């Protein structure tokens, strides 16, 4: 089967555009997206789905901080 390189290139470009619009990157311990309820993903040290800490109420977050974020300050994580 002959590969159509233009079609593959177009699909790859479309995938990159979709990722750029829908995936938000945050830094551990500095992320504005973690103040909303939801989850985020880490790729390093392993692929994992973690709960955001949520909004601050009475000087406490709604949920505990993500252990991966606590131990890897400044590293990236991803929100969908």
PDB file of N, CA and C in Angstrom:
ATOM      1  N   UNK A   1       0.839  -1.189   0.000  1.00  0.00           N
ATOM      2  CA  UNK A   1       0.000   0.000   0.000  1.00  0.00           C
ATOM      3  C   UNK A   1       0.881   1.247   0.000  1.00  0.00           C
ATOM      4  N   UNK A   2       0.680   2.080  -0.958  1.00  0.00           N
ATOM      5  CA  UNK A   2       1.461   3.302  -1.068  1.00  0.00           C
ATOM      6  C   UNK A   2       0.925   4.349  -0.085  1.00  0.00           C
ATOM      7  N   UNK A   3       1.826   4.981   0.642  1.00  0.00           N
ATOM      8  CA  UNK A   3       1.423   5.982   1.635  1.00  0.00           C
ATOM      9  C   UNK A   3       1.272   7.339   0.959  1.00  0.00           C
ATOM     10  N   UNK A   4       0.244   8.021   1.309  1.00  0.00           N
ATOM     11  CA  UNK A   4       0.011   9.353   0.789  1.00  0.00           C
ATOM     12  C   UNK A   4       0.593  10.334   1.804  1.00  0.00           C
ATOM     13  N   UNK A   5       1.783  10.846   1.541  1.00  0.00           N
ATOM     14  CA  UNK A   5       2.496  11.687   2.489  1.00  0.00           C
ATOM     15  C   UNK A   5       1.794  13.024   2.736  1.00  0.00           C
ATOM     16  N   UNK A   6       1.124  13.541   1.745  1.00  0.00           N
ATOM     17  CA  UNK A   6       0.387  14.794   1.955  1.00  0.00           C
ATOM     18  C   UNK A   6      -0.750  14.590   2.949  1.00  0.00           C
ATOM     19  N   UNK A   7      -1.442  13.443   2.867  1.00  0.00           N
ATOM     20  CA  UNK A   7      -2.532  13.147   3.787  1.00  0.00           C
ATOM     21  C   UNK A   7      -1.992  12.969   5.220  1.00  0.00           C
ATOM     22  N   UNK A   8      -0.874  12.272   5.344  1.00  0.00           N
ATOM     23  CA  UNK A   8      -0.271  12.074   6.664  1.00  0.00           C
ATOM     24  C   UNK A   8       0.188  13.396   7.251  1.00  0.00           C
ATOM     25  N   UNK A   9       0.783  14.241   6.427  1.00  0.00           N
ATOM     26  CA  UNK A   9       1.235  15.556   6.884  1.00  0.00           C
ATOM     27  C   UNK A   9       0.054  16.414   7.328  1.00  0.00           C
ATOM     28  N   UNK A  10      -1.043  16.389   6.587  1.00  0.00           N
ATOM     29  CA  UNK A  10      -2.242  17.154   6.954  1.00  0.00           C
ATOM     30  C   UNK A  10      -2.840  16.654   8.268  1.00  0.00           C
ATOM     31  N   UNK A  11      -2.891  15.343   8.437  1.00  0.00           N
ATOM     32  CA  UNK A  11      -3.415  14.786   9.687  1.00  0.00           C
ATOM     33  C   UNK A  11      -2.534  15.135  10.872  1.00  0.00           C
ATOM     34  N   UNK A  12      -1.226  15.097  10.690  1.00  0.00           N
ATOM     35  CA  UNK A  12      -0.297  15.472  11.741  1.00  0.00           C
ATOM     36  C   UNK A  12      -0.451  16.951  12.103  1.00  0.00           C
ATOM     37  N   UNK A  13      -0.592  17.799  11.111  1.00  0.00           N
ATOM     38  CA  UNK A  13      -0.806  19.226  11.349  1.00  0.00           C
ATOM     39  C   UNK A  13      -2.115  19.472  12.089  1.00  0.00           C
ATOM     40  N   UNK A  14      -3.158  18.767  11.705  1.00  0.00           N
ATOM     41  CA  UNK A  14      -4.446  18.883  12.384  1.00  0.00           C
ATOM     42  C   UNK A  14      -4.343  18.441  13.846  1.00  0.00           C
ATOM     43  N   UNK A  15      -3.627  17.377  14.105  1.00  0.00           N
ATOM     44  CA  UNK A  15      -3.428  16.904  15.471  1.00  0.00           C
ATOM     45  C   UNK A  15      -2.689  17.938  16.317  1.00  0.00           C
ATOM     46  N   UNK A  16      -1.667  18.554  15.760  1.00  0.00           N
ATOM     47  CA  UNK A  16      -0.910  19.590  16.476  1.00  0.00           C
ATOM     48  C   UNK A  16      -1.802  20.784  16.790  1.00  0.00           C
ATOM     49  N   UNK A  17      -2.632  21.192  15.858  1.00  0.00           N
ATOM     50  CA  UNK A  17      -3.537  22.325  16.075  1.00  0.00           C
ATOM     51  C   UNK A  17      -4.546  21.998  17.171  1.00  0.00           C
ATOM     52  N   UNK A  18      -5.104  20.799  17.158  1.00  0.00           N
ATOM     53  CA  UNK A  18      -6.074  20.403  18.188  1.00  0.00           C
ATOM     54  C   UNK A  18      -5.417  20.390  19.559  1.00  0.00           C
ATOM     55  N   UNK A  19      -4.218  19.847  19.657  1.00  0.00           N
ATOM     56  CA  UNK A  19      -3.512  19.800  20.938  1.00  0.00           C
ATOM     57  C   UNK A  19      -3.231  21.212  21.442  1.00  0.00           C
ATOM     58  N   UNK A  20      -2.832  22.108  20.552  1.00  0.00           N
ATOM     59  CA  UNK A  20      -2.523  23.488  20.965  1.00  0.00           C
ATOM     60  C   UNK A  20      -3.751  24.213  21.503  1.00  0.00           C
ATOM     61  N   UNK A  21      -4.935  23.934  20.971  1.00  0.00           N
ATOM     62  CA  UNK A  21      -6.141  24.625  21.409  1.00  0.00           C
ATOM     63  C   UNK A  21      -6.781  24.010  22.651  1.00  0.00           C
ATOM     64  N   UNK A  22      -6.642  22.710  22.855  1.00  0.00           N
ATOM     65  CA  UNK A  22      -7.378  22.053  23.928  1.00  0.00           C
ATOM     66  C   UNK A  22      -6.533  21.647  25.129  1.00  0.00           C
ATOM     67  N   UNK A  23      -5.232  21.547  24.989  1.00  0.00           N
ATOM     68  CA  UNK A  23      -4.379  21.149  26.100  1.00  0.00           C
ATOM     69  C   UNK A  23      -3.724  22.396  26.676  1.00  0.00           C
ATOM     70  N   UNK A  24      -3.912  22.599  27.983  1.00  0.00           N
ATOM     71  CA  UNK A  24      -3.314  23.742  28.665  1.00  0.00           C
ATOM     72  C   UNK A  24      -2.165  23.225  29.526  1.00  0.00           C
ATOM     73  N   UNK A  25      -1.035  23.880  29.444  1.00  0.00           N
ATOM     74  CA  UNK A  25       0.139  23.471  30.201  1.00  0.00           C
ATOM     75  C   UNK A  25       0.269  24.362  31.422  1.00  0.00           C
ATOM     76  N   UNK A  26       0.487  23.752  32.582  1.00  0.00           N
ATOM     77  CA  UNK A  26       0.693  24.492  33.817  1.00  0.00           C
ATOM     78  C   UNK A  26       1.990  24.066  34.471  1.00  0.00           C
ATOM     79  N   UNK A  27       2.524  24.919  35.351  1.00  0.00           N
ATOM     80  CA  UNK A  27       3.721  24.584  36.117  1.00  0.00           C
ATOM     81  C   UNK A  27       3.297  24.157  37.509  1.00  0.00           C
ATOM     82  N   UNK A  28       3.928  23.112  38.014  1.00  0.00           N
ATOM     83  CA  UNK A  28       3.623  22.657  39.363  1.00  0.00           C
ATOM     84  C   UNK A  28       3.844  23.785  40.368  1.00  0.00           C
ATOM     85  N   UNK A  29       2.883  23.972  41.249  1.00  0.00           N
ATOM     86  CA  UNK A  29       2.888  24.963  42.327  1.00  0.00           C
ATOM     87  C   UNK A  29       2.706  26.399  41.836  1.00  0.00           C
ATOM     88  N   UNK A  30       2.507  26.625  40.526  1.00  0.00           N
ATOM     89  CA  UNK A  30       2.305  27.971  39.987  1.00  0.00           C
ATOM     90  C   UNK A  30       1.169  28.012  38.976  1.00  0.00           C
ATOM     91  N   UNK A  31       0.279  27.035  38.988  1.00  0.00           N
ATOM     92  CA  UNK A  31      -0.707  26.884  37.921  1.00  0.00           C
ATOM     93  C   UNK A  31      -2.041  27.534  38.277  1.00  0.00           C
ATOM     94  N   UNK A  32      -2.521  28.420  37.414  1.00  0.00           N
ATOM     95  CA  UNK A  32      -3.813  29.078  37.655  1.00  0.00           C
ATOM     96  C   UNK A  32      -4.989  28.156  37.365  1.00  0.00           C
ATOM     97  N   UNK A  33      -4.789  27.123  36.534  1.00  0.00           N
ATOM     98  CA  UNK A  33      -5.873  26.204  36.204  1.00  0.00           C
ATOM     99  C   UNK A  33      -6.198  25.244  37.350  1.00  0.00           C
ATOM    100  N   UNK A  34      -5.279  25.031  38.268  1.00  0.00           N
ATOM    101  CA  UNK A  34      -5.500  24.097  39.383  1.00  0.00           C
ATOM    102  C   UNK A  34      -6.461  24.659  40.432  1.00  0.00           C
ATOM    103  N   UNK A  35      -6.790  25.950  40.348  1.00  0.00           N
ATOM    104  CA  UNK A  35      -7.746  26.537  41.299  1.00  0.00           C
ATOM    105  C   UNK A  35      -9.187  26.198  40.956  1.00  0.00           C
ATOM    106  N   UNK A  36      -9.423  25.542  39.829  1.00  0.00           N
ATOM    107  CA  UNK A  36     -10.774  25.091  39.495  1.00  0.00           C
ATOM    108  C   UNK A  36     -10.840  23.591  39.747  1.00  0.00           C
ATOM    109  N   UNK A  37     -12.036  23.100  40.029  1.00  0.00           N
ATOM    110  CA  UNK A  37     -12.191  21.670  40.239  1.00  0.00           C
ATOM    111  C   UNK A  37     -11.980  20.949  38.916  1.00  0.00           C
ATOM    112  N   UNK A  38     -11.369  19.813  38.968  1.00  0.00           N
ATOM    113  CA  UNK A  38     -11.070  19.036  37.777  1.00  0.00           C
ATOM    114  C   UNK A  38      -9.832  18.202  38.014  1.00  0.00           C
ATOM    115  N   UNK A  39      -9.122  17.908  36.949  1.00  0.00           N
ATOM    116  CA  UNK A  39      -7.921  17.095  37.093  1.00  0.00           C
ATOM    117  C   UNK A  39      -6.849  17.559  36.122  1.00  0.00           C
ATOM    118  N   UNK A  40      -5.650  17.068  36.362  1.00  0.00           N
ATOM    119  CA  UNK A  40      -4.528  17.345  35.477  1.00  0.00           C
ATOM    120  C   UNK A  40      -3.709  16.072  35.322  1.00  0.00           C
ATOM    121  N   UNK A  41      -2.848  16.061  34.318  1.00  0.00           N
ATOM    122  CA  UNK A  41      -2.060  14.880  33.982  1.00  0.00           C
ATOM    123  C   UNK A  41      -0.577  15.187  34.076  1.00  0.00           C
ATOM    124  N   UNK A  42       0.158  14.220  34.595  1.00  0.00           N
ATOM    125  CA  UNK A  42       1.615  14.276  34.599  1.00  0.00           C
ATOM    126  C   UNK A  42       2.118  13.210  33.648  1.00  0.00           C
ATOM    127  N   UNK A  43       3.172  13.506  32.915  1.00  0.00           N
ATOM    128  CA  UNK A  43       3.810  12.517  32.060  1.00  0.00           C
ATOM    129  C   UNK A  43       5.054  11.957  32.745  1.00  0.00           C
ATOM    130  N   UNK A  44       5.741  12.817  33.493  1.00  0.00           N
ATOM    131  CA  UNK A  44       6.947  12.414  34.205  1.00  0.00           C
ATOM    132  C   UNK A  44       6.656  12.490  35.695  1.00  0.00           C
ATOM    133  N   UNK A  45       6.941  11.574  36.549  1.00  0.00           N
ATOM    134  CA  UNK A  45       7.725  10.358  36.354  1.00  0.00           C
ATOM    135  C   UNK A  45       6.946   9.226  35.685  1.00  0.00           C
ATOM    136  N   UNK A  46       5.621   9.250  35.722  1.00  0.00           N
ATOM    137  CA  UNK A  46       4.813   8.283  34.973  1.00  0.00           C
ATOM    138  C   UNK A  46       3.506   8.964  34.602  1.00  0.00           C
ATOM    139  N   UNK A  47       2.850   8.460  33.577  1.00  0.00           N
ATOM    140  CA  UNK A  47       1.581   9.031  33.147  1.00  0.00           C
ATOM    141  C   UNK A  47       0.548   8.809  34.240  1.00  0.00           C
ATOM    142  N   UNK A  48       0.001   9.896  34.780  1.00  0.00           N
ATOM    143  CA  UNK A  48      -0.980   9.773  35.859  1.00  0.00           C
ATOM    144  C   UNK A  48      -1.988  10.909  35.793  1.00  0.00           C
ATOM    145  N   UNK A  49      -3.198  10.613  36.232  1.00  0.00           N
ATOM    146  CA  UNK A  49      -4.281  11.586  36.308  1.00  0.00           C
ATOM    147  C   UNK A  49      -4.437  11.967  37.773  1.00  0.00           C
ATOM    148  N   UNK A  50      -4.362  13.265  38.085  1.00  0.00           N
ATOM    149  CA  UNK A  50      -4.416  13.732  39.469  1.00  0.00           C
ATOM    150  C   UNK A  50      -5.484  14.793  39.629  1.00  0.00           C
ATOM    151  N   UNK A  51      -6.072  14.862  40.812  1.00  0.00           N
ATOM    152  CA  UNK A  51      -7.120  15.841  41.100  1.00  0.00           C
ATOM    153  C   UNK A  51      -6.501  17.207  41.386  1.00  0.00           C
ATOM    154  N   UNK A  52      -7.101  18.264  40.838  1.00  0.00           N
ATOM    155  CA  UNK A  52      -6.685  19.631  41.165  1.00  0.00           C
ATOM    156  C   UNK A  52      -7.008  19.914  42.625  1.00  0.00           C
ATOM    157  N   UNK A  53      -6.259  20.839  43.235  1.00  0.00           N
ATOM    158  CA  UNK A  53      -6.536  21.168  44.633  1.00  0.00           C
ATOM    159  C   UNK A  53      -7.803  21.990  44.787  1.00  0.00           C
ATOM    160  N   UNK A  54      -8.270  22.610  43.739  1.00  0.00           N
ATOM    161  CA  UNK A  54      -9.529  23.350  43.783  1.00  0.00           C
ATOM    162  C   UNK A  54      -9.380  24.734  44.391  1.00  0.00           C
ATOM    163  N   UNK A  55     -10.508  25.408  44.609  1.00  0.00           N
ATOM    164  CA  UNK A  55     -10.466  26.777  45.136  1.00  0.00           C
ATOM    165  C   UNK A  55     -10.047  26.807  46.604  1.00  0.00           C
ATOM    166  N   UNK A  56      -9.557  27.971  47.007  1.00  0.00           N
ATOM    167  CA  UNK A  56      -9.128  28.170  48.398  1.00  0.00           C
ATOM    168  C   UNK A  56     -10.329  28.648  49.212  1.00  0.00           C
ATOM    169  N   UNK A  57     -10.592  27.966  50.323  1.00  0.00           N
ATOM    170  CA  UNK A  57     -11.659  28.352  51.245  1.00  0.00           C
ATOM    171  C   UNK A  57     -11.099  28.370  52.659  1.00  0.00           C
ATOM    172  N   UNK A  58     -11.221  29.494  53.352  1.00  0.00           N
ATOM    173  CA  UNK A  58     -10.728  29.638  54.727  1.00  0.00           C
ATOM    174  C   UNK A  58      -9.253  29.246  54.843  1.00  0.00           C
ATOM    175  N   UNK A  59      -8.430  29.758  53.942  1.00  0.00           N
ATOM    176  CA  UNK A  59      -6.984  29.500  53.900  1.00  0.00           C
ATOM    177  C   UNK A  59      -6.617  28.041  53.689  1.00  0.00           C
ATOM    178  N   UNK A  60      -7.530  27.218  53.184  1.00  0.00           N
ATOM    179  CA  UNK A  60      -7.255  25.816  52.877  1.00  0.00           C
ATOM    180  C   UNK A  60      -7.824  25.509  51.494  1.00  0.00           C
ATOM    181  N   UNK A  61      -7.141  24.646  50.779  1.00  0.00           N
ATOM    182  CA  UNK A  61      -7.662  24.212  49.489  1.00  0.00           C
ATOM    183  C   UNK A  61      -8.738  23.159  49.708  1.00  0.00           C
ATOM    184  N   UNK A  62      -9.639  23.047  48.753  1.00  0.00           N
ATOM    185  CA  UNK A  62     -10.749  22.099  48.840  1.00  0.00           C
ATOM    186  C   UNK A  62     -10.253  20.648  48.861  1.00  0.00           C
ATOM    187  N   UNK A  63      -9.207  20.348  48.095  1.00  0.00           N
ATOM    188  CA  UNK A  63      -8.628  19.005  48.029  1.00  0.00           C
ATOM    189  C   UNK A  63      -7.147  19.096  48.373  1.00  0.00           C
ATOM    190  N   UNK A  64      -6.533  18.004  48.803  1.00  0.00           N
ATOM    191  CA  UNK A  64      -5.093  18.044  49.079  1.00  0.00           C
ATOM    192  C   UNK A  64      -4.286  18.263  47.798  1.00  0.00           C
ATOM    193  N   UNK A  65      -3.097  18.794  47.972  1.00  0.00           N
ATOM    194  CA  UNK A  65      -2.213  19.027  46.830  1.00  0.00           C
ATOM    195  C   UNK A  65      -1.782  17.703  46.226  1.00  0.00           C
ATOM    196  N   UNK A  66      -1.560  17.721  44.940  1.00  0.00           N
ATOM    197  CA  UNK A  66      -1.085  16.546  44.208  1.00  0.00           C
ATOM    198  C   UNK A  66       0.333  16.202  44.691  1.00  0.00           C
ATOM    199  N   UNK A  67       0.595  14.949  45.069  1.00  0.00           N
ATOM    200  CA  UNK A  67       1.936  14.598  45.557  1.00  0.00           C
ATOM    201  C   UNK A  67       3.024  14.750  44.495  1.00  0.00           C
ATOM    202  N   UNK A  68       2.693  14.552  43.224  1.00  0.00           N
ATOM    203  CA  UNK A  68       3.697  14.720  42.162  1.00  0.00           C
ATOM    204  C   UNK A  68       4.063  16.198  42.041  1.00  0.00           C
ATOM    205  N   UNK A  69       3.073  17.089  42.142  1.00  0.00           N
ATOM    206  CA  UNK A  69       3.347  18.530  42.076  1.00  0.00           C
ATOM    207  C   UNK A  69       4.209  18.982  43.259  1.00  0.00           C
ATOM    208  N   UNK A  70       3.936  18.443  44.439  1.00  0.00           N
ATOM    209  CA  UNK A  70       4.690  18.839  45.625  1.00  0.00           C
ATOM    210  C   UNK A  70       6.163  18.451  45.525  1.00  0.00           C
ATOM    211  N   UNK A  71       6.447  17.310  44.932  1.00  0.00           N
ATOM    212  CA  UNK A  71       7.822  16.822  44.893  1.00  0.00           C
ATOM    213  C   UNK A  71       8.585  17.258  43.645  1.00  0.00           C
ATOM    214  N   UNK A  72       7.902  17.833  42.673  1.00  0.00           N
ATOM    215  CA  UNK A  72       8.541  18.257  41.417  1.00  0.00           C
ATOM    216  C   UNK A  72       8.139  19.686  41.089  1.00  0.00           C
ATOM    217  N   UNK A  73       8.474  20.618  41.953  1.00  0.00           N
ATOM    218  CA  UNK A  73       8.087  22.019  41.764  1.00  0.00           C
ATOM    219  C   UNK A  73       8.697  22.581  40.483  1.00  0.00           C
ATOM    220  N   UNK A  74       7.853  23.316  39.723  1.00  0.00           N
ATOM    221  CA  UNK A  74       8.305  23.963  38.496  1.00  0.00           C
ATOM    222  C   UNK A  74       8.228  23.095  37.253  1.00  0.00           C
ATOM    223  N   UNK A  75       7.952  21.807  37.411  1.00  0.00           N
ATOM    224  CA  UNK A  75       7.834  20.913  36.257  1.00  0.00           C
ATOM    225  C   UNK A  75       6.449  21.079  35.622  1.00  0.00           C
ATOM    226  N   UNK A  76       6.290  20.753  34.343  1.00  0.00           N
ATOM    227  CA  UNK A  76       4.989  20.942  33.681  1.00  0.00           C
ATOM    228  C   UNK A  76       3.991  19.829  33.980  1.00  0.00           C
ATOM    229  N   UNK A  77       2.712  20.193  33.906  1.00  0.00           N
ATOM    230  CA  UNK A  77       1.619  19.225  33.890  1.00  0.00           C
ATOM    231  C   UNK A  77       0.573  19.737  32.915  1.00  0.00           C
ATOM    232  N   UNK A  78      -0.407  18.913  32.590  1.00  0.00           N
ATOM    233  CA  UNK A  78      -1.300  19.228  31.477  1.00  0.00           C
ATOM    234  C   UNK A  78      -2.757  19.122  31.878  1.00  0.00           C
ATOM    235  N   UNK A  79      -3.561  20.106  31.472  1.00  0.00           N
ATOM    236  CA  UNK A  79      -5.013  20.130  31.695  1.00  0.00           C
ATOM    237  C   UNK A  79      -5.710  19.963  30.347  1.00  0.00           C
ATOM    238  N   UNK A  80      -6.781  19.190  30.325  1.00  0.00           N
ATOM    239  CA  UNK A  80      -7.568  19.046  29.104  1.00  0.00           C
ATOM    240  C   UNK A  80      -8.805  19.903  29.188  1.00  0.00           C
TER     241      UNK A  80
END
